[in-house]
N, C-alpha and C. Protein backbone atom coordinates (compact mmCIF):
# COMPACT_ATOMS: atom_id res chain seq x y z
N UNK A 1 -143.75 -28.03 192.99
CA UNK A 1 -142.34 -28.35 193.15
C UNK A 1 -142.15 -29.28 194.34
N UNK A 2 -143.17 -30.04 194.68
CA UNK A 2 -143.03 -30.98 195.78
C UNK A 2 -143.23 -30.35 197.13
N UNK A 3 -143.69 -29.10 197.19
CA UNK A 3 -143.90 -28.45 198.47
C UNK A 3 -145.12 -29.05 199.16
N UNK A 4 -145.11 -29.01 200.48
CA UNK A 4 -146.25 -29.53 201.22
C UNK A 4 -146.72 -28.44 202.18
N UNK A 5 -148.02 -28.35 202.37
CA UNK A 5 -148.54 -27.33 203.29
C UNK A 5 -148.07 -27.59 204.72
N UNK A 6 -147.87 -26.54 205.45
CA UNK A 6 -147.48 -26.62 206.86
C UNK A 6 -148.76 -26.70 207.69
N UNK A 7 -149.00 -27.84 208.35
CA UNK A 7 -150.24 -28.06 209.10
C UNK A 7 -150.39 -27.08 210.26
N UNK A 8 -149.28 -26.74 210.92
CA UNK A 8 -149.35 -25.80 212.04
C UNK A 8 -149.81 -24.42 211.59
N UNK A 9 -149.28 -23.95 210.48
CA UNK A 9 -149.70 -22.66 209.95
C UNK A 9 -151.14 -22.70 209.49
N UNK A 10 -151.56 -23.81 208.89
CA UNK A 10 -152.93 -23.95 208.40
C UNK A 10 -153.94 -23.84 209.54
N UNK A 11 -153.58 -24.33 210.71
CA UNK A 11 -154.47 -24.27 211.87
C UNK A 11 -154.79 -22.82 212.25
N UNK A 12 -153.88 -21.92 211.92
CA UNK A 12 -154.08 -20.50 212.22
C UNK A 12 -154.60 -19.73 211.00
N UNK A 13 -154.87 -20.45 209.94
CA UNK A 13 -155.38 -19.80 208.73
C UNK A 13 -154.29 -19.09 207.94
N UNK A 14 -153.06 -19.52 208.09
CA UNK A 14 -151.93 -18.92 207.39
C UNK A 14 -151.45 -19.89 206.33
N UNK A 15 -151.23 -19.38 205.12
CA UNK A 15 -150.69 -20.23 204.07
C UNK A 15 -149.17 -20.27 204.19
N UNK A 16 -148.64 -21.47 204.22
CA UNK A 16 -147.20 -21.65 204.35
C UNK A 16 -146.80 -22.95 203.68
N UNK A 17 -145.63 -22.97 203.09
CA UNK A 17 -145.13 -24.20 202.48
C UNK A 17 -143.69 -24.42 202.93
N UNK A 18 -143.37 -25.69 203.17
CA UNK A 18 -142.01 -26.08 203.52
C UNK A 18 -141.37 -26.74 202.30
N UNK A 19 -140.09 -26.46 202.05
CA UNK A 19 -139.42 -27.08 200.91
C UNK A 19 -139.29 -28.59 201.08
N UNK A 20 -139.10 -29.29 199.98
CA UNK A 20 -138.93 -30.75 200.09
C UNK A 20 -137.75 -31.08 201.01
N UNK A 21 -137.90 -32.12 201.79
CA UNK A 21 -136.87 -32.63 202.70
C UNK A 21 -136.52 -31.66 203.82
N UNK A 22 -137.38 -30.69 204.10
CA UNK A 22 -137.08 -29.75 205.17
C UNK A 22 -137.01 -30.45 206.53
N UNK A 23 -137.73 -31.55 206.66
CA UNK A 23 -137.70 -32.28 207.93
C UNK A 23 -136.34 -32.92 208.19
N UNK A 24 -135.53 -33.10 207.16
CA UNK A 24 -134.21 -33.70 207.32
C UNK A 24 -133.13 -32.66 207.58
N UNK A 25 -133.40 -31.41 207.26
CA UNK A 25 -132.38 -30.36 207.39
C UNK A 25 -131.90 -30.21 208.82
N UNK A 26 -132.80 -30.27 209.78
CA UNK A 26 -132.42 -30.12 211.18
C UNK A 26 -131.50 -31.26 211.62
N UNK A 27 -131.79 -32.48 211.19
CA UNK A 27 -130.96 -33.64 211.56
C UNK A 27 -129.56 -33.51 210.98
N UNK A 28 -129.47 -33.02 209.76
CA UNK A 28 -128.15 -32.84 209.14
C UNK A 28 -127.36 -31.78 209.89
N UNK A 29 -128.00 -30.68 210.23
CA UNK A 29 -127.34 -29.62 210.98
C UNK A 29 -126.86 -30.10 212.33
N UNK A 30 -127.68 -30.90 213.00
CA UNK A 30 -127.29 -31.43 214.31
C UNK A 30 -126.10 -32.38 214.17
N UNK A 31 -126.08 -33.17 213.13
CA UNK A 31 -125.00 -34.13 212.93
C UNK A 31 -123.68 -33.43 212.61
N UNK A 32 -123.75 -32.28 211.98
CA UNK A 32 -122.53 -31.56 211.59
C UNK A 32 -122.08 -30.55 212.63
N UNK A 33 -122.91 -30.30 213.63
CA UNK A 33 -122.61 -29.29 214.64
C UNK A 33 -121.54 -29.73 215.61
N UNK A 34 -121.10 -28.77 216.43
CA UNK A 34 -120.11 -29.06 217.46
C UNK A 34 -120.73 -29.84 218.60
N UNK A 35 -119.89 -30.54 219.34
CA UNK A 35 -120.28 -31.27 220.53
C UNK A 35 -120.02 -30.35 221.72
N UNK A 36 -120.99 -30.25 222.62
CA UNK A 36 -120.82 -29.30 223.71
C UNK A 36 -121.00 -29.96 225.08
N UNK A 37 -120.55 -29.24 226.07
CA UNK A 37 -120.74 -29.61 227.46
C UNK A 37 -120.93 -28.34 228.25
N UNK A 38 -121.69 -28.41 229.31
CA UNK A 38 -121.90 -27.21 230.10
C UNK A 38 -122.00 -27.54 231.58
N UNK A 39 -121.84 -26.50 232.37
CA UNK A 39 -121.94 -26.62 233.82
C UNK A 39 -122.70 -25.40 234.33
N UNK A 40 -123.49 -25.63 235.35
CA UNK A 40 -124.21 -24.56 236.05
C UNK A 40 -124.10 -24.91 237.52
N UNK A 41 -123.29 -24.15 238.25
CA UNK A 41 -122.97 -24.54 239.62
C UNK A 41 -122.88 -23.31 240.52
N UNK A 42 -123.34 -23.47 241.75
CA UNK A 42 -123.23 -22.40 242.75
C UNK A 42 -121.92 -22.60 243.52
N UNK A 43 -121.12 -21.53 243.60
CA UNK A 43 -119.85 -21.56 244.31
C UNK A 43 -119.92 -20.59 245.49
N UNK A 44 -119.33 -20.97 246.61
CA UNK A 44 -119.21 -20.10 247.76
C UNK A 44 -117.87 -19.38 247.67
N UNK A 45 -117.91 -18.08 247.44
CA UNK A 45 -116.66 -17.33 247.28
C UNK A 45 -116.02 -16.99 248.62
N UNK A 46 -116.63 -17.45 249.71
CA UNK A 46 -115.96 -17.33 251.00
C UNK A 46 -115.02 -18.51 251.21
N UNK A 47 -115.17 -19.55 250.37
CA UNK A 47 -114.32 -20.74 250.46
C UNK A 47 -113.24 -20.79 249.40
N UNK A 48 -113.42 -20.05 248.32
CA UNK A 48 -112.44 -20.01 247.22
C UNK A 48 -112.56 -18.68 246.52
N UNK A 49 -111.54 -18.34 245.74
CA UNK A 49 -111.58 -17.08 245.00
C UNK A 49 -112.47 -17.24 243.76
N UNK A 50 -112.88 -16.10 243.22
CA UNK A 50 -113.69 -16.13 242.00
C UNK A 50 -112.91 -16.80 240.87
N UNK A 51 -111.62 -16.50 240.76
CA UNK A 51 -110.79 -17.10 239.71
C UNK A 51 -110.73 -18.62 239.84
N UNK A 52 -110.63 -19.13 241.07
CA UNK A 52 -110.62 -20.58 241.29
C UNK A 52 -111.97 -21.20 240.90
N UNK A 53 -113.05 -20.53 241.26
CA UNK A 53 -114.39 -21.03 240.93
C UNK A 53 -114.58 -21.05 239.41
N UNK A 54 -114.16 -19.98 238.74
CA UNK A 54 -114.30 -19.90 237.29
C UNK A 54 -113.45 -20.96 236.60
N UNK A 55 -112.23 -21.17 237.08
CA UNK A 55 -111.36 -22.20 236.50
C UNK A 55 -111.99 -23.59 236.67
N UNK A 56 -112.59 -23.85 237.82
CA UNK A 56 -113.25 -25.13 238.06
C UNK A 56 -114.42 -25.32 237.09
N UNK A 57 -115.23 -24.28 236.93
CA UNK A 57 -116.39 -24.36 236.03
C UNK A 57 -115.94 -24.58 234.58
N UNK A 58 -114.89 -23.89 234.16
CA UNK A 58 -114.38 -24.07 232.79
C UNK A 58 -113.89 -25.50 232.57
N UNK A 59 -113.12 -26.01 233.52
CA UNK A 59 -112.59 -27.37 233.38
C UNK A 59 -113.72 -28.40 233.36
N UNK A 60 -114.75 -28.17 234.15
CA UNK A 60 -115.89 -29.09 234.17
C UNK A 60 -116.62 -29.07 232.83
N UNK A 61 -116.84 -27.89 232.28
CA UNK A 61 -117.52 -27.78 230.97
C UNK A 61 -116.69 -28.44 229.87
N UNK A 62 -115.39 -28.25 229.89
CA UNK A 62 -114.51 -28.88 228.90
C UNK A 62 -114.57 -30.39 229.05
N UNK A 63 -114.49 -30.87 230.28
CA UNK A 63 -114.54 -32.31 230.54
C UNK A 63 -115.88 -32.90 230.05
N UNK A 64 -116.97 -32.19 230.25
CA UNK A 64 -118.28 -32.65 229.79
C UNK A 64 -118.34 -32.71 228.27
N UNK A 65 -117.76 -31.73 227.59
CA UNK A 65 -117.75 -31.74 226.12
C UNK A 65 -116.94 -32.91 225.59
N UNK A 66 -115.79 -33.15 226.18
CA UNK A 66 -114.93 -34.27 225.75
C UNK A 66 -115.65 -35.59 226.04
N UNK A 67 -116.29 -35.69 227.20
CA UNK A 67 -117.03 -36.90 227.55
C UNK A 67 -118.18 -37.15 226.56
N UNK A 68 -118.75 -36.09 226.02
CA UNK A 68 -119.85 -36.22 225.05
C UNK A 68 -119.36 -36.55 223.64
N UNK A 69 -118.02 -36.49 223.43
CA UNK A 69 -117.48 -36.89 222.13
C UNK A 69 -116.73 -35.82 221.38
N UNK A 70 -116.44 -34.69 222.03
CA UNK A 70 -115.68 -33.62 221.37
C UNK A 70 -114.19 -33.94 221.37
N UNK A 71 -113.51 -33.51 220.33
CA UNK A 71 -112.06 -33.65 220.24
C UNK A 71 -111.43 -32.67 221.24
N UNK A 72 -110.66 -33.14 222.21
CA UNK A 72 -110.09 -32.26 223.23
C UNK A 72 -109.24 -31.12 222.66
N UNK A 73 -108.63 -31.35 221.51
CA UNK A 73 -107.78 -30.32 220.91
C UNK A 73 -108.57 -29.18 220.29
N UNK A 74 -109.88 -29.36 220.11
CA UNK A 74 -110.68 -28.32 219.47
C UNK A 74 -111.68 -27.64 220.41
N UNK A 75 -111.77 -28.12 221.65
CA UNK A 75 -112.77 -27.58 222.59
C UNK A 75 -112.38 -26.17 223.02
N UNK A 76 -113.36 -25.28 222.97
CA UNK A 76 -113.19 -23.89 223.39
C UNK A 76 -114.34 -23.49 224.29
N UNK A 77 -114.10 -22.53 225.15
CA UNK A 77 -115.16 -21.98 225.99
C UNK A 77 -115.99 -21.05 225.10
N UNK A 78 -117.30 -21.29 225.08
CA UNK A 78 -118.20 -20.51 224.23
C UNK A 78 -118.88 -19.39 225.00
N UNK A 79 -119.38 -19.69 226.19
CA UNK A 79 -120.06 -18.66 226.99
C UNK A 79 -119.72 -18.81 228.46
N UNK A 80 -119.71 -17.68 229.14
CA UNK A 80 -119.53 -17.63 230.59
C UNK A 80 -120.55 -16.65 231.14
N UNK A 81 -121.27 -17.08 232.16
CA UNK A 81 -122.23 -16.23 232.85
C UNK A 81 -122.03 -16.38 234.33
N UNK A 82 -122.11 -15.29 235.06
CA UNK A 82 -122.10 -15.42 236.51
C UNK A 82 -123.15 -14.49 237.10
N UNK A 83 -123.81 -15.02 238.12
CA UNK A 83 -124.89 -14.29 238.77
C UNK A 83 -124.66 -14.32 240.27
N UNK A 84 -124.34 -13.18 240.87
CA UNK A 84 -124.20 -13.16 242.34
C UNK A 84 -125.54 -13.48 242.99
N UNK A 85 -125.51 -14.32 244.02
CA UNK A 85 -126.73 -14.74 244.71
C UNK A 85 -126.77 -14.09 246.09
N UNK A 86 -127.30 -12.88 246.14
CA UNK A 86 -127.31 -12.10 247.38
C UNK A 86 -128.15 -12.76 248.47
N UNK A 87 -129.11 -13.59 248.09
CA UNK A 87 -130.00 -14.20 249.08
C UNK A 87 -129.41 -15.47 249.69
N UNK A 88 -128.20 -15.87 249.26
CA UNK A 88 -127.57 -17.06 249.83
C UNK A 88 -126.35 -16.65 250.66
N UNK A 89 -126.06 -17.40 251.72
CA UNK A 89 -124.90 -17.08 252.55
C UNK A 89 -123.59 -17.47 251.87
N UNK A 90 -122.50 -16.95 252.38
CA UNK A 90 -121.18 -17.35 251.91
C UNK A 90 -120.74 -16.69 250.64
N UNK A 91 -121.29 -15.50 250.35
CA UNK A 91 -120.91 -14.78 249.13
C UNK A 91 -121.03 -15.70 247.91
N UNK A 92 -122.20 -16.29 247.75
CA UNK A 92 -122.43 -17.29 246.71
C UNK A 92 -122.63 -16.64 245.34
N UNK A 93 -122.19 -17.35 244.33
CA UNK A 93 -122.41 -16.91 242.95
C UNK A 93 -122.69 -18.13 242.09
N UNK A 94 -123.60 -17.97 241.14
CA UNK A 94 -123.92 -19.03 240.18
C UNK A 94 -123.06 -18.79 238.95
N UNK A 95 -122.30 -19.80 238.55
CA UNK A 95 -121.46 -19.68 237.35
C UNK A 95 -121.94 -20.70 236.33
N UNK A 96 -122.20 -20.23 235.11
CA UNK A 96 -122.61 -21.08 234.00
C UNK A 96 -121.55 -20.96 232.91
N UNK A 97 -121.06 -22.10 232.44
CA UNK A 97 -120.05 -22.13 231.37
C UNK A 97 -120.45 -23.17 230.34
N UNK A 98 -120.29 -22.82 229.07
CA UNK A 98 -120.51 -23.77 227.98
C UNK A 98 -119.24 -23.87 227.17
N UNK A 99 -118.85 -25.11 226.86
CA UNK A 99 -117.67 -25.38 226.03
C UNK A 99 -118.11 -26.25 224.86
N UNK A 100 -117.46 -26.08 223.71
CA UNK A 100 -117.82 -26.88 222.54
C UNK A 100 -116.59 -27.13 221.68
N UNK A 101 -116.64 -28.23 220.94
CA UNK A 101 -115.55 -28.56 220.03
C UNK A 101 -116.05 -29.49 218.94
N UNK A 102 -115.19 -29.73 217.97
CA UNK A 102 -115.53 -30.62 216.84
C UNK A 102 -115.65 -32.05 217.33
N UNK A 103 -116.44 -32.82 216.62
CA UNK A 103 -116.63 -34.22 216.96
C UNK A 103 -115.30 -34.96 216.81
N UNK A 104 -115.01 -35.83 217.77
CA UNK A 104 -113.76 -36.59 217.74
C UNK A 104 -113.84 -37.62 216.62
N UNK A 105 -112.82 -37.65 215.79
CA UNK A 105 -112.81 -38.56 214.64
C UNK A 105 -112.11 -39.84 214.96
């Protein structure tokens, strides 16, 4: 049916077949996926509140997604992570935010 052996699996002695055009499937998925932007920044909470730091990180991630080509009306915050950094002065915390939206038409 047009299947081709998977060379990586064959190297391990495993029989495997990939469907026809499987190499194109990833490109199609990437082309149809959302456009994203993210930020990973250390904030000193002795200089600003946690809410101010989080708002800044969210706005930066949204701005990055729009700059990458996302429609501003569809961008949403996808993930938020924060990690207190006890080994740094100034009550520091690392905030990571990812935002994504549909491609701007």
